[in-house]
């Protein structure tokens, strides 16, 4: 169903109200950090329930919920690397691993930062073709295939301490895929990390840590865009409900993802992505998804 516009920004979530946004916040929080595409679920779930599309602005702003979950769950890593990098910079130990890793994360954020700025006028615009069902469905299936190849042919032996600048750049470039609805940031970066032969749980950890700056920038940028669009008080309060619920569900999603990767593999996500992609494409062709 159609969403809504506020000065050209897709703000369909406002018309849904608190309860529906809270429900979608759970879905968004879980799917944002699992490699199964939150955008795909934000298109298919409201359509199945007969609700308005919450809009791309909702998905973008909900990045801040994911950010809160990642930082809180990986606080030991975040504080350790951040503190170590600062101490290394102050003492001139620029060869220290913490400092190098922090610099690599910043450099790896540059590609998606540039691409995001270039595409910003199209990504969250009302009726953006990039949010079309065919794009979302095809992207889900394409990423399922890539993830399956990574699962089949990669050795899964390396750990986070083995990461190099080249590894960070490769995953950073892969992160650009997150701008295409249906790919998912977690899906693109996790798949790239697996192709670098990282262990599954280490690949997920690297994906989350590397994504912190990009997630923060995307979320803050969308809040600024909503501010410029003069979103009213009710709209902000509805969004706040989604953010709180989303951050809690995203935290649970991280724990669940790491447990699945440690005990099993990425195959459950490969199969799920392929099924969701097929459902979206069929639904779009049959007319019951619009």
C-alpha atoms as a PDB file:
ATOM      1  CA  UNK A   1       0.000   0.000   0.000  1.00  0.00           C
ATOM      2  CA  UNK A   2       1.112   3.534  -0.524  1.00  0.00           C
ATOM      3  CA  UNK A   3       2.953   5.383   2.157  1.00  0.00           C
ATOM      4  CA  UNK A   4       3.227   9.121   2.713  1.00  0.00           C
ATOM      5  CA  UNK A   5       5.425  12.085   1.870  1.00  0.00           C
ATOM      6  CA  UNK A   6       6.688  14.990   3.934  1.00  0.00           C
ATOM      7  CA  UNK A   7       8.377  17.544   1.669  1.00  0.00           C
ATOM      8  CA  UNK A   8       9.580  14.807  -0.656  1.00  0.00           C
ATOM      9  CA  UNK A   9      10.743  12.453   2.128  1.00  0.00           C
ATOM     10  CA  UNK A  10       9.048   9.061   2.375  1.00  0.00           C
ATOM     11  CA  UNK A  11       7.411   9.113   5.847  1.00  0.00           C
ATOM     12  CA  UNK A  12       4.733   6.465   5.576  1.00  0.00           C
ATOM     13  CA  UNK A  13       5.464   5.310   9.137  1.00  0.00           C
ATOM     14  CA  UNK A  14       3.655   8.329  10.624  1.00  0.00           C
ATOM     15  CA  UNK A  15       0.253   7.167   9.392  1.00  0.00           C
ATOM     16  CA  UNK A  16       0.744   3.735  10.969  1.00  0.00           C
ATOM     17  CA  UNK A  17       0.626   4.947  14.562  1.00  0.00           C
ATOM     18  CA  UNK A  18       2.415   3.715  17.674  1.00  0.00           C
ATOM     19  CA  UNK A  19       1.317   0.066  17.905  1.00  0.00           C
ATOM     20  CA  UNK A  20       2.014  -0.789  14.271  1.00  0.00           C
ATOM     21  CA  UNK A  21       5.364   1.010  14.297  1.00  0.00           C
ATOM     22  CA  UNK A  22       6.309  -0.851  17.489  1.00  0.00           C
ATOM     23  CA  UNK A  23       5.508  -4.154  15.747  1.00  0.00           C
ATOM     24  CA  UNK A  24       7.498  -3.147  12.684  1.00  0.00           C
ATOM     25  CA  UNK A  25      10.286  -1.986  14.993  1.00  0.00           C
ATOM     26  CA  UNK A  26      10.660  -5.571  16.183  1.00  0.00           C
ATOM     27  CA  UNK A  27      10.800  -6.832  12.583  1.00  0.00           C
ATOM     28  CA  UNK A  28      13.204  -4.080  11.549  1.00  0.00           C
ATOM     29  CA  UNK A  29      15.463  -4.607  14.562  1.00  0.00           C
ATOM     30  CA  UNK A  30      15.766  -8.354  13.999  1.00  0.00           C
ATOM     31  CA  UNK A  31      16.230  -8.208  10.241  1.00  0.00           C
ATOM     32  CA  UNK A  32      18.535  -5.150  10.230  1.00  0.00           C
ATOM     33  CA  UNK A  33      21.432  -7.066  11.762  1.00  0.00           C
ATOM     34  CA  UNK A  34      20.779 -10.506  10.320  1.00  0.00           C
ATOM     35  CA  UNK A  35      21.831 -11.153   6.708  1.00  0.00           C
ATOM     36  CA  UNK A  36      18.217 -11.372   5.475  1.00  0.00           C
ATOM     37  CA  UNK A  37      17.417  -7.771   4.405  1.00  0.00           C
ATOM     38  CA  UNK A  38      15.335  -5.498   6.586  1.00  0.00           C
ATOM     39  CA  UNK A  39      14.057  -3.653   3.498  1.00  0.00           C
ATOM     40  CA  UNK A  40      12.583  -6.847   2.082  1.00  0.00           C
ATOM     41  CA  UNK A  41      10.695  -7.427   5.303  1.00  0.00           C
ATOM     42  CA  UNK A  42       9.565  -3.806   5.521  1.00  0.00           C
ATOM     43  CA  UNK A  43       7.974  -4.260   2.104  1.00  0.00           C
ATOM     44  CA  UNK A  44       6.450  -7.710   2.507  1.00  0.00           C
ATOM     45  CA  UNK A  45       5.188  -7.619   6.131  1.00  0.00           C
ATOM     46  CA  UNK A  46       3.110  -4.411   5.832  1.00  0.00           C
ATOM     47  CA  UNK A  47       1.766  -5.591   2.473  1.00  0.00           C
ATOM     48  CA  UNK A  48       0.627  -8.915   3.930  1.00  0.00           C
ATOM     49  CA  UNK A  49      -1.025  -7.118   6.852  1.00  0.00           C
ATOM     50  CA  UNK A  50      -2.666  -4.527   4.600  1.00  0.00           C
ATOM     51  CA  UNK A  51      -0.705  -1.641   6.144  1.00  0.00           C
ATOM     52  CA  UNK A  52       0.958   1.358   4.530  1.00  0.00           C
ATOM     53  CA  UNK A  53       4.603   1.002   3.560  1.00  0.00           C
ATOM     54  CA  UNK A  54       6.492   2.603   6.498  1.00  0.00           C
ATOM     55  CA  UNK A  55       8.828   4.208   3.971  1.00  0.00           C
ATOM     56  CA  UNK A  56      12.557   4.301   3.437  1.00  0.00           C
ATOM     57  CA  UNK A  57      12.998   7.135   5.949  1.00  0.00           C
ATOM     58  CA  UNK A  58      11.846   4.776   8.708  1.00  0.00           C
ATOM     59  CA  UNK A  59      14.331   2.098   7.658  1.00  0.00           C
ATOM     60  CA  UNK A  60      17.166   4.621   7.460  1.00  0.00           C
ATOM     61  CA  UNK A  61      16.429   6.234  10.828  1.00  0.00           C
ATOM     62  CA  UNK A  62      16.155   2.796  12.430  1.00  0.00           C
ATOM     63  CA  UNK A  63      19.866   2.406  11.746  1.00  0.00           C
ATOM     64  CA  UNK A  64      20.304   4.168  15.083  1.00  0.00           C
ATOM     65  CA  UNK A  65      18.514   1.310  16.830  1.00  0.00           C
ATOM     66  CA  UNK A  66      20.964  -1.089  15.214  1.00  0.00           C
ATOM     67  CA  UNK A  67      23.838   1.174  16.254  1.00  0.00           C
ATOM     68  CA  UNK A  68      22.751   1.108  19.903  1.00  0.00           C
ATOM     69  CA  UNK A  69      22.499  -2.678  19.805  1.00  0.00           C
ATOM     70  CA  UNK A  70      25.905  -3.192  18.168  1.00  0.00           C
ATOM     71  CA  UNK A  71      27.745  -0.830  20.514  1.00  0.00           C
ATOM     72  CA  UNK A  72      26.127  -2.282  23.640  1.00  0.00           C
ATOM     73  CA  UNK A  73      26.611  -5.925  22.589  1.00  0.00           C
ATOM     74  CA  UNK A  74      30.215  -5.431  21.465  1.00  0.00           C
ATOM     75  CA  UNK A  75      31.063  -2.822  24.089  1.00  0.00           C
ATOM     76  CA  UNK A  76      34.210  -4.668  25.185  1.00  0.00           C
ATOM     77  CA  UNK A  77      35.504  -4.662  21.595  1.00  0.00           C
ATOM     78  CA  UNK A  78      34.395  -1.093  20.898  1.00  0.00           C
ATOM     79  CA  UNK A  79      35.859   0.367  24.098  1.00  0.00           C
ATOM     80  CA  UNK A  80      38.997  -1.739  23.839  1.00  0.00           C
ATOM     81  CA  UNK A  81      39.761  -0.831  20.238  1.00  0.00           C
ATOM     82  CA  UNK A  82      38.714   2.801  20.662  1.00  0.00           C
ATOM     83  CA  UNK A  83      40.660   3.280  23.879  1.00  0.00           C
ATOM     84  CA  UNK A  84      43.666   1.433  22.506  1.00  0.00           C
ATOM     85  CA  UNK A  85      43.652   3.529  19.342  1.00  0.00           C
ATOM     86  CA  UNK A  86      43.541   6.768  21.339  1.00  0.00           C
ATOM     87  CA  UNK A  87      46.382   5.664  23.627  1.00  0.00           C
ATOM     88  CA  UNK A  88      48.429   4.567  20.634  1.00  0.00           C
ATOM     89  CA  UNK A  89      47.871   7.913  18.893  1.00  0.00           C
ATOM     90  CA  UNK A  90      48.855   9.866  22.032  1.00  0.00           C
ATOM     91  CA  UNK A  91      52.032   7.827  22.568  1.00  0.00           C
ATOM     92  CA  UNK A  92      52.939   7.673  18.868  1.00  0.00           C
ATOM     93  CA  UNK A  93      52.574   3.894  18.593  1.00  0.00           C
ATOM     94  CA  UNK A  94      50.974   4.044  15.177  1.00  0.00           C
ATOM     95  CA  UNK A  95      51.868   0.442  14.434  1.00  0.00           C
ATOM     96  CA  UNK A  96      49.677  -0.852  17.270  1.00  0.00           C
ATOM     97  CA  UNK A  97      46.887  -3.174  16.106  1.00  0.00           C
ATOM     98  CA  UNK A  98      44.115  -1.164  17.786  1.00  0.00           C
ATOM     99  CA  UNK A  99      45.213   2.029  16.036  1.00  0.00           C
ATOM    100  CA  UNK A 100      45.584   0.339  12.663  1.00  0.00           C
ATOM    101  CA  UNK A 101      42.205  -1.374  12.960  1.00  0.00           C
ATOM    102  CA  UNK A 102      40.456   1.883  13.897  1.00  0.00           C
ATOM    103  CA  UNK A 103      42.041   3.644  10.895  1.00  0.00           C
ATOM    104  CA  UNK A 104      41.029   0.781   8.622  1.00  0.00           C
ATOM    105  CA  UNK A 105      37.412   1.004   9.802  1.00  0.00           C
ATOM    106  CA  UNK A 106      37.371   4.725   8.995  1.00  0.00           C
ATOM    107  CA  UNK A 107      38.893   4.133   5.549  1.00  0.00           C
ATOM    108  CA  UNK A 108      36.446   1.296   4.872  1.00  0.00           C
ATOM    109  CA  UNK A 109      33.570   3.706   5.523  1.00  0.00           C
ATOM    110  CA  UNK A 110      34.653   6.103   2.776  1.00  0.00           C
ATOM    111  CA  UNK A 111      33.234   4.097  -0.181  1.00  0.00           C
ATOM    112  CA  UNK A 112      29.691   3.838   1.206  1.00  0.00           C
ATOM    113  CA  UNK A 113      29.884   7.462   2.394  1.00  0.00           C
ATOM    114  CA  UNK A 114      30.623   8.678  -1.124  1.00  0.00           C
ATOM    115  CA  UNK A 115      28.068   6.366  -2.744  1.00  0.00           C
ATOM    116  CA  UNK A 116      25.431   7.354  -0.188  1.00  0.00           C
ATOM    117  CA  UNK A 117      25.920  11.039  -0.897  1.00  0.00           C
ATOM    118  CA  UNK A 118      25.733  10.493  -4.643  1.00  0.00           C
ATOM    119  CA  UNK A 119      22.523   8.471  -4.369  1.00  0.00           C
ATOM    120  CA  UNK A 120      20.906  10.332  -1.459  1.00  0.00           C
ATOM    121  CA  UNK A 121      18.432  12.182  -3.658  1.00  0.00           C
ATOM    122  CA  UNK A 122      17.048   8.868  -4.946  1.00  0.00           C
ATOM    123  CA  UNK A 123      17.399   6.502  -2.018  1.00  0.00           C
ATOM    124  CA  UNK A 124      14.722   7.928   0.287  1.00  0.00           C
ATOM    125  CA  UNK A 125      12.600   9.852  -2.194  1.00  0.00           C
ATOM    126  CA  UNK A 126       8.914   9.076  -2.446  1.00  0.00           C
ATOM    127  CA  UNK A 127       8.318   6.388  -5.067  1.00  0.00           C
ATOM    128  CA  UNK A 128      12.035   5.673  -5.486  1.00  0.00           C
ATOM    129  CA  UNK A 129      12.579   3.002  -8.180  1.00  0.00           C
ATOM    130  CA  UNK A 130      15.367   1.556  -6.021  1.00  0.00           C
ATOM    131  CA  UNK A 131      12.683   0.442  -3.558  1.00  0.00           C
ATOM    132  CA  UNK A 132      10.722  -1.416  -6.230  1.00  0.00           C
ATOM    133  CA  UNK A 133       9.680  -4.980  -5.444  1.00  0.00           C
ATOM    134  CA  UNK A 134      11.555  -6.405  -8.428  1.00  0.00           C
ATOM    135  CA  UNK A 135      14.788  -4.807  -7.184  1.00  0.00           C
ATOM    136  CA  UNK A 136      14.250  -6.064  -3.624  1.00  0.00           C
ATOM    137  CA  UNK A 137      13.322  -9.608  -4.683  1.00  0.00           C
ATOM    138  CA  UNK A 138      16.154  -9.973  -7.187  1.00  0.00           C
ATOM    139  CA  UNK A 139      18.664  -8.605  -4.671  1.00  0.00           C
ATOM    140  CA  UNK A 140      17.545 -11.135  -2.052  1.00  0.00           C
ATOM    141  CA  UNK A 141      18.077 -14.026  -4.454  1.00  0.00           C
ATOM    142  CA  UNK A 142      21.409 -12.696  -5.753  1.00  0.00           C
ATOM    143  CA  UNK A 143      22.769 -12.383  -2.204  1.00  0.00           C
ATOM    144  CA  UNK A 144      21.510 -15.871  -1.346  1.00  0.00           C
ATOM    145  CA  UNK A 145      23.573 -17.230  -4.231  1.00  0.00           C
ATOM    146  CA  UNK A 146      26.705 -15.313  -3.194  1.00  0.00           C
ATOM    147  CA  UNK A 147      26.342 -16.374   0.431  1.00  0.00           C
ATOM    148  CA  UNK A 148      25.939 -20.004  -0.668  1.00  0.00           C
ATOM    149  CA  UNK A 149      29.125 -19.796  -2.742  1.00  0.00           C
ATOM    150  CA  UNK A 150      30.997 -18.337   0.240  1.00  0.00           C
ATOM    151  CA  UNK A 151      29.714 -21.142   2.446  1.00  0.00           C
ATOM    152  CA  UNK A 152      30.728 -23.835  -0.029  1.00  0.00           C
ATOM    153  CA  UNK A 153      34.145 -22.693  -1.181  1.00  0.00           C
ATOM    154  CA  UNK A 154      35.705 -20.645   1.638  1.00  0.00           C
ATOM    155  CA  UNK A 155      37.857 -22.152   4.386  1.00  0.00           C
ATOM    156  CA  UNK A 156      36.630 -20.206   7.449  1.00  0.00           C
ATOM    157  CA  UNK A 157      39.987 -20.274   9.269  1.00  0.00           C
ATOM    158  CA  UNK A 158      41.029 -16.679   9.897  1.00  0.00           C
ATOM    159  CA  UNK A 159      40.221 -14.578  12.974  1.00  0.00           C
ATOM    160  CA  UNK A 160      39.846 -10.847  13.616  1.00  0.00           C
ATOM    161  CA  UNK A 161      43.525 -10.488  14.588  1.00  0.00           C
ATOM    162  CA  UNK A 162      44.476 -11.595  11.046  1.00  0.00           C
ATOM    163  CA  UNK A 163      42.629  -8.689   9.399  1.00  0.00           C
ATOM    164  CA  UNK A 164      44.669  -6.460   7.078  1.00  0.00           C
ATOM    165  CA  UNK A 165      44.047  -3.099   5.417  1.00  0.00           C
ATOM    166  CA  UNK A 166      43.166  -4.883   2.173  1.00  0.00           C
ATOM    167  CA  UNK A 167      40.557  -6.978   3.983  1.00  0.00           C
ATOM    168  CA  UNK A 168      38.967  -3.852   5.456  1.00  0.00           C
ATOM    169  CA  UNK A 169      38.889  -2.130   2.060  1.00  0.00           C
ATOM    170  CA  UNK A 170      37.291  -5.166   0.391  1.00  0.00           C
ATOM    171  CA  UNK A 171      34.542  -5.403   3.016  1.00  0.00           C
ATOM    172  CA  UNK A 172      34.150  -1.621   2.932  1.00  0.00           C
ATOM    173  CA  UNK A 173      33.534  -1.700  -0.812  1.00  0.00           C
ATOM    174  CA  UNK A 174      31.091  -4.579  -0.352  1.00  0.00           C
ATOM    175  CA  UNK A 175      29.232  -2.407   2.146  1.00  0.00           C
ATOM    176  CA  UNK A 176      28.092  -0.202  -0.749  1.00  0.00           C
ATOM    177  CA  UNK A 177      25.712  -3.018  -1.591  1.00  0.00           C
ATOM    178  CA  UNK A 178      23.714  -2.048   1.498  1.00  0.00           C
ATOM    179  CA  UNK A 179      22.386   0.927  -0.466  1.00  0.00           C
ATOM    180  CA  UNK A 180      20.497  -1.453  -2.750  1.00  0.00           C
ATOM    181  CA  UNK A 181      17.260  -2.541  -1.063  1.00  0.00           C
ATOM    182  CA  UNK A 182      17.204  -6.291  -0.597  1.00  0.00           C
ATOM    183  CA  UNK A 183      20.974  -6.720  -0.290  1.00  0.00           C
ATOM    184  CA  UNK A 184      21.312  -5.747   3.417  1.00  0.00           C
ATOM    185  CA  UNK A 185      24.407  -4.256   5.001  1.00  0.00           C
ATOM    186  CA  UNK A 186      24.922  -7.301   7.186  1.00  0.00           C
ATOM    187  CA  UNK A 187      24.453  -9.599   4.222  1.00  0.00           C
ATOM    188  CA  UNK A 188      26.943  -7.830   1.958  1.00  0.00           C
ATOM    189  CA  UNK A 189      29.673  -7.359   4.567  1.00  0.00           C
ATOM    190  CA  UNK A 190      29.271 -10.822   6.127  1.00  0.00           C
ATOM    191  CA  UNK A 191      29.462 -12.445   2.701  1.00  0.00           C
ATOM    192  CA  UNK A 192      32.582 -10.447   1.778  1.00  0.00           C
ATOM    193  CA  UNK A 193      34.221 -11.355   5.098  1.00  0.00           C
ATOM    194  CA  UNK A 194      33.468 -15.040   4.501  1.00  0.00           C
ATOM    195  CA  UNK A 195      35.092 -14.795   1.071  1.00  0.00           C
ATOM    196  CA  UNK A 196      38.205 -13.584   2.942  1.00  0.00           C
ATOM    197  CA  UNK A 197      38.195 -16.949   4.754  1.00  0.00           C
ATOM    198  CA  UNK A 198      37.233 -15.618   8.177  1.00  0.00           C
ATOM    199  CA  UNK A 199      35.505 -17.954  10.587  1.00  0.00           C
ATOM    200  CA  UNK A 200      31.761 -17.446  10.482  1.00  0.00           C
ATOM    201  CA  UNK A 201      31.417 -15.849  13.925  1.00  0.00           C
ATOM    202  CA  UNK A 202      34.553 -13.742  13.350  1.00  0.00           C
ATOM    203  CA  UNK A 203      33.166 -12.597   9.990  1.00  0.00           C
ATOM    204  CA  UNK A 204      29.988 -11.439  11.732  1.00  0.00           C
ATOM    205  CA  UNK A 205      31.958  -9.669  14.450  1.00  0.00           C
ATOM    206  CA  UNK A 206      34.109  -7.904  11.837  1.00  0.00           C
ATOM    207  CA  UNK A 207      30.992  -6.970   9.867  1.00  0.00           C
ATOM    208  CA  UNK A 208      29.366  -5.355  12.905  1.00  0.00           C
ATOM    209  CA  UNK A 209      32.463  -3.462  14.066  1.00  0.00           C
ATOM    210  CA  UNK A 210      33.309  -2.195  10.597  1.00  0.00           C
ATOM    211  CA  UNK A 211      29.740  -1.057  10.065  1.00  0.00           C
ATOM    212  CA  UNK A 212      29.504   1.183  13.150  1.00  0.00           C
ATOM    213  CA  UNK A 213      30.544   4.458  11.419  1.00  0.00           C
ATOM    214  CA  UNK A 214      28.358   3.798   8.363  1.00  0.00           C
ATOM    215  CA  UNK A 215      25.339   2.884  10.501  1.00  0.00           C
ATOM    216  CA  UNK A 216      25.826   6.001  12.638  1.00  0.00           C
ATOM    217  CA  UNK A 217      26.198   8.309   9.639  1.00  0.00           C
ATOM    218  CA  UNK A 218      23.166   6.865   7.862  1.00  0.00           C
ATOM    219  CA  UNK A 219      20.946   7.142  10.915  1.00  0.00           C
ATOM    220  CA  UNK A 220      22.032  10.650  11.877  1.00  0.00           C
ATOM    221  CA  UNK A 221      21.728  11.852   8.290  1.00  0.00           C
ATOM    222  CA  UNK A 222      18.149  10.585   8.142  1.00  0.00           C
ATOM    223  CA  UNK A 223      17.258  12.322  11.403  1.00  0.00           C
ATOM    224  CA  UNK A 224      18.600  15.533   9.898  1.00  0.00           C
ATOM    225  CA  UNK A 225      16.563  14.996   6.721  1.00  0.00           C
ATOM    226  CA  UNK A 226      13.418  14.435   8.784  1.00  0.00           C
ATOM    227  CA  UNK A 227      14.200  17.596  10.745  1.00  0.00           C
ATOM    228  CA  UNK A 228      14.566  19.558   7.509  1.00  0.00           C
ATOM    229  CA  UNK A 229      11.276  18.093   6.310  1.00  0.00           C
ATOM    230  CA  UNK A 230       9.607  19.515   9.454  1.00  0.00           C
ATOM    231  CA  UNK A 231       8.366  16.207  10.815  1.00  0.00           C
ATOM    232  CA  UNK A 232       5.852  17.065  13.516  1.00  0.00           C
ATOM    233  CA  UNK A 233       5.944  16.105  17.207  1.00  0.00           C
ATOM    234  CA  UNK A 234       3.678  13.119  16.727  1.00  0.00           C
ATOM    235  CA  UNK A 235       5.895  11.824  13.928  1.00  0.00           C
ATOM    236  CA  UNK A 236       8.984  12.100  16.135  1.00  0.00           C
ATOM    237  CA  UNK A 237       7.269  10.315  19.013  1.00  0.00           C
ATOM    238  CA  UNK A 238       6.136   7.480  16.733  1.00  0.00           C
ATOM    239  CA  UNK A 239       9.675   7.150  15.406  1.00  0.00           C
ATOM    240  CA  UNK A 240      11.035   7.117  18.976  1.00  0.00           C
ATOM    241  CA  UNK A 241       8.814   4.146  19.820  1.00  0.00           C
ATOM    242  CA  UNK A 242      10.173   2.281  16.820  1.00  0.00           C
ATOM    243  CA  UNK A 243      13.765   3.100  17.797  1.00  0.00           C
ATOM    244  CA  UNK A 244      13.404   1.857  21.370  1.00  0.00           C
ATOM    245  CA  UNK A 245      11.692  -1.379  20.375  1.00  0.00           C
ATOM    246  CA  UNK A 246      14.076  -1.840  17.457  1.00  0.00           C
ATOM    247  CA  UNK A 247      17.200  -1.476  19.587  1.00  0.00           C
ATOM    248  CA  UNK A 248      16.030  -4.180  21.994  1.00  0.00           C
ATOM    249  CA  UNK A 249      15.111  -6.616  19.231  1.00  0.00           C
ATOM    250  CA  UNK A 250      18.379  -5.864  17.370  1.00  0.00           C
ATOM    251  CA  UNK A 251      20.384  -6.743  20.499  1.00  0.00           C
ATOM    252  CA  UNK A 252      18.598 -10.104  20.679  1.00  0.00           C
ATOM    253  CA  UNK A 253      19.189 -10.607  16.945  1.00  0.00           C
ATOM    254  CA  UNK A 254      22.964 -10.238  17.341  1.00  0.00           C
ATOM    255  CA  UNK A 255      23.067 -12.899  20.043  1.00  0.00           C
ATOM    256  CA  UNK A 256      20.907 -15.223  17.947  1.00  0.00           C
ATOM    257  CA  UNK A 257      22.966 -14.678  14.790  1.00  0.00           C
ATOM    258  CA  UNK A 258      26.271 -15.427  16.524  1.00  0.00           C
ATOM    259  CA  UNK A 259      24.815 -18.562  18.118  1.00  0.00           C
ATOM    260  CA  UNK A 260      23.577 -19.810  14.732  1.00  0.00           C
ATOM    261  CA  UNK A 261      26.936 -19.129  13.085  1.00  0.00           C
ATOM    262  CA  UNK A 262      28.876 -20.808  15.891  1.00  0.00           C
ATOM    263  CA  UNK A 263      26.724 -23.948  15.978  1.00  0.00           C
ATOM    264  CA  UNK A 264      25.616 -24.296  12.390  1.00  0.00           C
ATOM    265  CA  UNK A 265      26.472 -22.233   9.276  1.00  0.00           C
ATOM    266  CA  UNK A 266      24.966 -19.572   7.030  1.00  0.00           C
ATOM    267  CA  UNK A 267      22.758 -22.080   5.185  1.00  0.00           C
ATOM    268  CA  UNK A 268      19.583 -21.157   7.105  1.00  0.00           C
ATOM    269  CA  UNK A 269      20.025 -17.580   5.869  1.00  0.00           C
ATOM    270  CA  UNK A 270      20.781 -18.703   2.306  1.00  0.00           C
ATOM    271  CA  UNK A 271      17.552 -20.689   2.145  1.00  0.00           C
ATOM    272  CA  UNK A 272      15.509 -17.997   3.874  1.00  0.00           C
ATOM    273  CA  UNK A 273      16.778 -15.242   1.569  1.00  0.00           C
ATOM    274  CA  UNK A 274      16.045 -17.308  -1.535  1.00  0.00           C
ATOM    275  CA  UNK A 275      12.494 -18.036  -0.332  1.00  0.00           C
ATOM    276  CA  UNK A 276      11.779 -14.411   0.606  1.00  0.00           C
ATOM    277  CA  UNK A 277      13.154 -13.196  -2.730  1.00  0.00           C
ATOM    278  CA  UNK A 278      10.981 -15.678  -4.599  1.00  0.00           C
ATOM    279  CA  UNK A 279       7.884 -14.702  -2.606  1.00  0.00           C
ATOM    280  CA  UNK A 280       8.468 -11.012  -3.326  1.00  0.00           C
ATOM    281  CA  UNK A 281       8.965 -11.550  -7.066  1.00  0.00           C
ATOM    282  CA  UNK A 282       5.930 -13.831  -7.289  1.00  0.00           C
ATOM    283  CA  UNK A 283       3.827 -11.465  -5.193  1.00  0.00           C
ATOM    284  CA  UNK A 284       4.780  -8.521  -7.392  1.00  0.00           C
ATOM    285  CA  UNK A 285       3.973 -10.466 -10.571  1.00  0.00           C
ATOM    286  CA  UNK A 286       0.675 -11.772  -9.174  1.00  0.00           C
ATOM    287  CA  UNK A 287      -0.358  -8.329  -7.946  1.00  0.00           C
ATOM    288  CA  UNK A 288      -0.857  -9.069  -4.249  1.00  0.00           C
ATOM    289  CA  UNK A 289       2.335  -7.192  -3.365  1.00  0.00           C
ATOM    290  CA  UNK A 290       2.364  -3.554  -4.510  1.00  0.00           C
END
